[in-house]
Amino acid sequence: MAADEIAALIREGIPDAEVEITDLAGDGDHYAARVTAASFAGMSRVKQHQAVYAALGGRMGGVLHALQLTTGVPK
């Protein structure tokens, strides 16, 4: 799965998200994502992560092997 596809899925599912994707291993299989969104305000970190996973539509563990996730509210 390509980094731009991951970012597009997250932005589609969380329209106000700012997304940064980094390929950790250079293999197109292990990524880090930094996702910030005003809509995360008042959500626990777990709920924020669940929102990102929901935006990815079940691709985690299948098409997308590994995703190191950092979420938060813009400053």
C-alpha atoms as a PDB file:
ATOM      1  CA  MET A   1       0.000   0.000   0.000  1.00  0.00           C
ATOM      2  CA  ALA A   2       1.430   3.368  -0.999  1.00  0.00           C
ATOM      3  CA  ALA A   3       1.885   6.226   1.481  1.00  0.00           C
ATOM      4  CA  ASP A   4      -0.287   8.581  -0.563  1.00  0.00           C
ATOM      5  CA  GLU A   5      -3.101   6.008  -0.564  1.00  0.00           C
ATOM      6  CA  ILE A   6      -2.916   5.728   3.240  1.00  0.00           C
ATOM      7  CA  ALA A   7      -3.031   9.517   3.589  1.00  0.00           C
ATOM      8  CA  ALA A   8      -5.963   9.779   1.157  1.00  0.00           C
ATOM      9  CA  LEU A   9      -7.991   7.169   3.060  1.00  0.00           C
ATOM     10  CA  ILE A  10      -7.376   8.934   6.361  1.00  0.00           C
ATOM     11  CA  ARG A  11      -8.319  12.333   4.892  1.00  0.00           C
ATOM     12  CA  GLU A  12     -11.442  10.838   3.347  1.00  0.00           C
ATOM     13  CA  GLY A  13     -12.525   9.347   6.685  1.00  0.00           C
ATOM     14  CA  ILE A  14     -11.422  12.356   8.773  1.00  0.00           C
ATOM     15  CA  PRO A  15     -11.884  15.387   6.493  1.00  0.00           C
ATOM     16  CA  ASP A  16     -10.177  17.896   8.819  1.00  0.00           C
ATOM     17  CA  ALA A  17      -7.105  15.693   9.338  1.00  0.00           C
ATOM     18  CA  GLU A  18      -3.559  16.819   8.704  1.00  0.00           C
ATOM     19  CA  VAL A  19      -1.631  13.681   7.780  1.00  0.00           C
ATOM     20  CA  GLU A  20       2.102  12.976   7.550  1.00  0.00           C
ATOM     21  CA  ILE A  21       3.195   9.507   6.420  1.00  0.00           C
ATOM     22  CA  THR A  22       6.753   8.185   6.742  1.00  0.00           C
ATOM     23  CA  ASP A  23       7.977   4.908   5.224  1.00  0.00           C
ATOM     24  CA  LEU A  24       9.977   3.474   8.131  1.00  0.00           C
ATOM     25  CA  ALA A  25      11.750   0.627   6.365  1.00  0.00           C
ATOM     26  CA  GLY A  26      11.774   1.775   2.738  1.00  0.00           C
ATOM     27  CA  ASP A  27       9.789  -1.311   1.810  1.00  0.00           C
ATOM     28  CA  GLY A  28       6.315   0.185   1.381  1.00  0.00           C
ATOM     29  CA  ASP A  29       5.062  -2.061   4.167  1.00  0.00           C
ATOM     30  CA  HIS A  30       6.009  -0.366   7.463  1.00  0.00           C
ATOM     31  CA  TYR A  31       4.801   3.185   7.978  1.00  0.00           C
ATOM     32  CA  ALA A  32       4.484   5.842  10.643  1.00  0.00           C
ATOM     33  CA  ALA A  33       1.516   8.207  10.502  1.00  0.00           C
ATOM     34  CA  ARG A  34       1.089  11.482  12.353  1.00  0.00           C
ATOM     35  CA  VAL A  35      -2.555  12.529  12.256  1.00  0.00           C
ATOM     36  CA  THR A  36      -3.865  15.728  13.817  1.00  0.00           C
ATOM     37  CA  ALA A  37      -7.467  16.863  13.616  1.00  0.00           C
ATOM     38  CA  ALA A  38      -9.613  19.398  15.436  1.00  0.00           C
ATOM     39  CA  SER A  39     -12.347  16.750  15.454  1.00  0.00           C
ATOM     40  CA  PHE A  40     -10.172  14.730  17.867  1.00  0.00           C
ATOM     41  CA  ALA A  41     -10.795  17.331  20.605  1.00  0.00           C
ATOM     42  CA  GLY A  42     -12.288  15.660  23.670  1.00  0.00           C
ATOM     43  CA  MET A  43     -11.472  12.153  22.410  1.00  0.00           C
ATOM     44  CA  SER A  44      -9.162   9.818  24.278  1.00  0.00           C
ATOM     45  CA  ARG A  45      -6.028   8.703  22.450  1.00  0.00           C
ATOM     46  CA  VAL A  46      -7.608   5.273  22.031  1.00  0.00           C
ATOM     47  CA  LYS A  47     -10.699   6.798  20.366  1.00  0.00           C
ATOM     48  CA  GLN A  48      -8.460   8.885  18.085  1.00  0.00           C
ATOM     49  CA  HIS A  49      -6.596   5.763  16.994  1.00  0.00           C
ATOM     50  CA  GLN A  50      -9.880   3.911  16.472  1.00  0.00           C
ATOM     51  CA  ALA A  51     -11.062   6.755  14.217  1.00  0.00           C
ATOM     52  CA  VAL A  52      -7.912   6.440  12.087  1.00  0.00           C
ATOM     53  CA  TYR A  53      -8.256   2.637  11.881  1.00  0.00           C
ATOM     54  CA  ALA A  54     -11.911   3.056  10.879  1.00  0.00           C
ATOM     55  CA  ALA A  55     -10.840   5.455   8.122  1.00  0.00           C
ATOM     56  CA  LEU A  56      -8.459   2.788   6.846  1.00  0.00           C
ATOM     57  CA  GLY A  57     -11.438   0.488   6.358  1.00  0.00           C
ATOM     58  CA  GLY A  58     -10.048  -2.771   7.743  1.00  0.00           C
ATOM     59  CA  ARG A  59      -6.769  -2.658   5.812  1.00  0.00           C
ATOM     60  CA  MET A  60      -4.649  -2.867   8.980  1.00  0.00           C
ATOM     61  CA  GLY A  61      -3.012  -6.270   9.319  1.00  0.00           C
ATOM     62  CA  GLY A  62      -3.891  -7.142   5.729  1.00  0.00           C
ATOM     63  CA  VAL A  63      -2.916  -4.814   2.906  1.00  0.00           C
ATOM     64  CA  LEU A  64      -1.259  -2.515   5.441  1.00  0.00           C
ATOM     65  CA  HIS A  65       1.118  -4.581   7.536  1.00  0.00           C
ATOM     66  CA  ALA A  66       2.395  -2.101  10.143  1.00  0.00           C
ATOM     67  CA  LEU A  67       1.465   1.459  11.089  1.00  0.00           C
ATOM     68  CA  GLN A  68       3.065   3.371  13.942  1.00  0.00           C
ATOM     69  CA  LEU A  69       0.385   5.904  14.823  1.00  0.00           C
ATOM     70  CA  THR A  70       0.629   9.272  16.562  1.00  0.00           C
ATOM     71  CA  THR A  71      -2.537  11.333  16.908  1.00  0.00           C
ATOM     72  CA  GLY A  72      -3.518  14.618  18.452  1.00  0.00           C
ATOM     73  CA  VAL A  73      -5.294  17.945  18.196  1.00  0.00           C
ATOM     74  CA  PRO A  74      -3.603  20.793  16.259  1.00  0.00           C
ATOM     75  CA  LYS A  75      -1.951  23.418  18.442  1.00  0.00           C
END
